[in-house]
Protein backbone atom coordinates (compact mmCIF):
# COMPACT_ATOMS: atom_id res chain seq x y z
CA MET A 1 85.25 115.13 119.72
CA PRO A 2 87.56 113.59 117.12
CA SER A 3 89.85 115.86 115.16
CA PRO A 4 88.88 116.29 111.52
CA HIS A 5 92.47 115.92 110.37
CA SER A 6 93.52 113.44 107.70
CA VAL A 7 96.96 111.88 107.43
CA CYS A 8 98.21 110.69 104.05
CA VAL A 9 100.46 107.66 104.32
CA PHE A 10 102.74 106.70 101.46
CA CYS A 11 104.38 103.30 101.92
CA GLY A 12 105.38 100.04 100.34
CA SER A 13 103.04 97.52 98.79
CA ARG A 14 105.52 94.93 100.06
CA PRO A 15 106.39 94.23 103.70
CA GLY A 16 110.16 94.66 103.32
CA ASN A 17 112.75 92.43 104.93
CA LEU A 18 112.61 93.64 108.53
CA PRO A 19 109.71 92.85 110.90
CA ALA A 20 110.17 96.38 112.29
CA TYR A 21 108.70 97.86 109.09
CA ALA A 22 105.36 96.12 109.60
CA ALA A 23 105.40 96.77 113.35
CA GLU A 24 105.86 100.52 112.81
CA ALA A 25 103.18 100.51 110.10
CA ARG A 26 100.73 98.95 112.57
CA ALA A 27 101.79 101.42 115.27
CA LEU A 28 101.13 104.30 112.87
CA GLY A 29 97.66 102.97 112.04
CA GLN A 30 96.89 102.65 115.76
CA MET A 31 98.20 106.16 116.46
CA ILE A 32 96.07 107.68 113.69
CA ALA A 33 93.00 106.01 115.17
CA ASP A 34 93.93 107.03 118.73
CA HIS A 35 93.90 110.69 117.66
CA GLY A 36 90.61 110.41 115.79
CA TRP A 37 92.31 111.22 112.51
CA ARG A 38 91.39 109.76 109.14
CA LEU A 39 93.86 107.60 107.24
CA VAL A 40 94.32 108.47 103.56
CA TYR A 41 96.36 105.82 101.77
CA GLY A 42 96.78 103.81 98.58
CA ALA A 43 93.84 101.44 99.28
CA GLY A 44 95.93 98.28 99.00
CA ASP A 45 95.62 95.35 101.36
CA VAL A 46 99.19 94.19 100.79
CA GLY A 47 102.56 95.08 102.29
CA LEU A 48 102.88 98.03 104.62
CA MET A 49 99.75 99.56 103.10
CA GLY A 50 97.68 96.69 104.38
CA GLU A 51 99.36 96.78 107.79
CA VAL A 52 98.61 100.48 108.31
CA ALA A 53 95.02 100.18 107.12
CA ARG A 54 94.12 97.06 109.09
CA ALA A 55 95.54 98.53 112.30
CA ALA A 56 93.86 101.90 111.79
CA GLN A 57 90.47 100.37 110.98
CA ALA A 58 90.67 97.80 113.78
CA ALA A 59 91.19 100.69 116.19
CA GLY A 60 88.22 102.60 114.78
CA ALA A 61 89.80 105.05 112.33
CA ARG A 62 88.07 106.21 109.21
CA ALA A 63 90.03 105.21 106.13
CA MET A 64 90.03 106.68 102.64
CA GLY A 65 91.72 104.53 100.04
CA VAL A 66 92.74 105.80 96.62
CA ILE A 67 93.79 103.31 93.97
CA PRO A 68 94.17 103.44 90.19
CA ILE A 69 92.01 100.99 88.35
CA HIS A 70 95.00 99.07 86.95
CA LEU A 71 96.26 98.26 90.49
CA LEU A 72 92.91 97.26 91.98
CA HIS A 73 93.63 93.54 91.71
CA LEU A 74 97.43 93.65 91.97
CA GLU A 75 97.37 95.52 95.30
CA GLN A 76 94.22 93.70 96.42
CA GLY A 77 92.28 96.93 96.93
CA ARG A 78 90.35 96.94 100.19
CA ARG A 79 86.60 97.22 99.78
CA ASP A 80 85.70 97.76 103.45
CA LEU A 81 87.00 101.33 103.65
CA THR A 82 85.04 104.37 104.78
CA GLN A 83 85.66 105.77 101.32
CA LEU A 84 87.22 104.15 98.25
CA VAL A 85 88.24 106.26 95.26
CA ILE A 86 89.25 104.53 92.05
CA THR A 87 91.34 106.73 89.78
CA GLU A 88 92.34 106.42 86.15
CA ASP A 89 96.10 106.58 86.80
CA MET A 90 98.90 107.05 89.32
CA HIS A 91 99.08 110.81 88.81
CA GLU A 92 95.44 111.22 89.77
CA ARG A 93 95.94 108.87 92.75
CA LYS A 94 98.70 111.06 94.21
CA LYS A 95 96.71 114.24 93.66
CA VAL A 96 93.56 112.86 95.28
CA MET A 97 95.52 111.52 98.27
CA PHE A 98 97.36 114.81 98.69
CA MET A 99 94.26 117.01 98.32
CA ASN A 100 92.41 114.98 100.96
CA SER A 101 95.09 115.19 103.64
CA ASP A 102 96.54 117.66 106.10
CA ALA A 103 99.92 115.96 106.56
CA ILE A 104 102.01 113.33 104.80
CA VAL A 105 103.90 110.44 106.41
CA VAL A 106 106.23 108.34 104.25
CA LEU A 107 107.11 104.86 105.50
CA PRO A 108 109.67 102.56 103.93
CA GLY A 109 108.79 101.60 100.40
CA GLY A 110 110.08 101.21 96.88
CA ALA A 111 110.08 103.28 93.73
CA GLY A 112 106.41 104.21 94.11
CA SER A 113 106.96 105.56 97.62
CA LEU A 114 109.99 107.52 96.40
CA ASP A 115 107.89 108.94 93.56
CA GLU A 116 105.18 109.98 96.01
CA PHE A 117 107.70 111.57 98.39
CA PHE A 118 109.48 113.51 95.66
CA GLU A 119 106.20 114.70 94.17
CA VAL A 120 104.97 116.26 97.43
CA LEU A 121 108.49 117.51 98.23
CA THR A 122 108.71 119.21 94.84
CA TRP A 123 105.26 120.74 95.27
CA ARG A 124 106.43 122.10 98.64
CA GLN A 125 109.69 123.39 97.17
CA ILE A 126 107.89 125.40 94.48
CA GLY A 127 105.38 126.80 96.96
CA LEU A 128 102.26 124.81 96.09
CA HIS A 129 101.66 123.76 99.69
CA GLU A 130 102.93 123.98 103.24
CA LYS A 131 101.66 120.66 104.53
CA PRO A 132 104.05 118.87 106.88
CA ILE A 133 105.93 115.92 105.39
CA PHE A 134 107.44 113.26 107.65
CA LEU A 135 109.82 110.43 106.79
CA LEU A 136 109.35 107.54 109.21
CA ASP A 137 112.94 106.33 109.34
CA THR A 138 112.36 102.82 110.68
CA ALA A 139 115.71 101.11 111.31
CA GLY A 140 117.47 103.95 109.44
CA TYR A 141 115.70 103.11 106.18
CA TRP A 142 115.70 106.68 104.86
CA GLN A 143 119.33 107.54 105.67
CA PRO A 144 120.52 106.94 102.07
CA LEU A 145 117.76 109.26 100.85
CA ARG A 146 118.83 111.94 103.31
CA ALA A 147 122.41 111.54 102.06
CA LEU A 148 121.21 111.93 98.47
CA ILE A 149 119.37 115.13 99.37
CA ASP A 150 122.51 116.44 101.08
CA HIS A 151 124.42 115.57 97.89
CA LEU A 152 121.91 117.49 95.75
CA ILE A 153 122.43 120.51 97.97
CA ALA A 154 126.22 120.16 98.07
CA GLN A 155 126.36 119.94 94.27
CA GLY A 156 124.28 123.10 93.86
CA PHE A 157 121.10 121.51 92.51
CA ALA A 158 118.93 122.41 95.50
CA ASP A 159 118.82 125.09 98.15
CA ARG A 160 119.57 124.20 101.78
CA ALA A 161 115.91 124.95 102.48
CA LEU A 162 115.03 121.63 100.85
CA ARG A 163 115.96 119.91 104.14
CA ASP A 164 113.42 122.10 105.95
CA TYR A 165 110.49 120.86 103.87
CA PHE A 166 110.39 117.48 105.59
CA THR A 167 111.10 116.05 109.02
CA THR A 168 112.74 112.70 109.65
CA VAL A 169 111.66 110.78 112.74
CA PRO A 170 113.03 107.41 113.90
CA ASP A 171 109.75 105.81 114.95
CA VAL A 172 106.06 106.34 115.64
CA ALA A 173 106.84 107.32 119.25
CA ALA A 174 108.80 110.32 117.94
CA LEU A 175 106.35 110.98 115.11
CA THR A 176 103.34 111.26 117.42
CA PRO A 177 104.17 114.57 119.16
CA ALA A 178 105.66 116.04 115.97
CA LEU A 179 102.56 115.22 113.94
CA ARG A 180 100.24 116.36 116.72
CA ALA A 181 102.09 119.72 116.88
CA ALA A 182 102.05 120.11 113.09
CA LEU A 183 98.29 119.53 112.97
CA SER A 184 97.38 121.80 115.89
């Protein structure tokens, strides 16, 4: 019997410069399907978003896409999803994605992915949730972010506990048991 868990994936609407980014995105989509989990993501069919979704759906996963109306054409919103939610704005998009998931995985991405990560991290920091947050650190992509967070702590703008609110994993192979344990 498939698990009812849903995994929110925040990631780039571009593929990035390294083939490893797309390969790990596809591996994540496959892994979500292999566990019978539902993918919750930004509904785009471009960049890493498209890679995750196509792999998850090809392997039989249910997929919920959430996209603001103004990005429907820009991100080539997928129409063949199990569920498609069209929101008024980006704020609503993040909230709907978060509320419909049990865990968050952040792949490489740009300003939007950073915004999504910091939003759920801040919500965790102020006690609004205890959902697990994972950074998929493909090819060391998130190391500068980790250094920035260490800097925030060192400069007295955040408590050391901030590091405990997310887990960094190098690849999907390492993410799999960590995510499975977090959702059990």
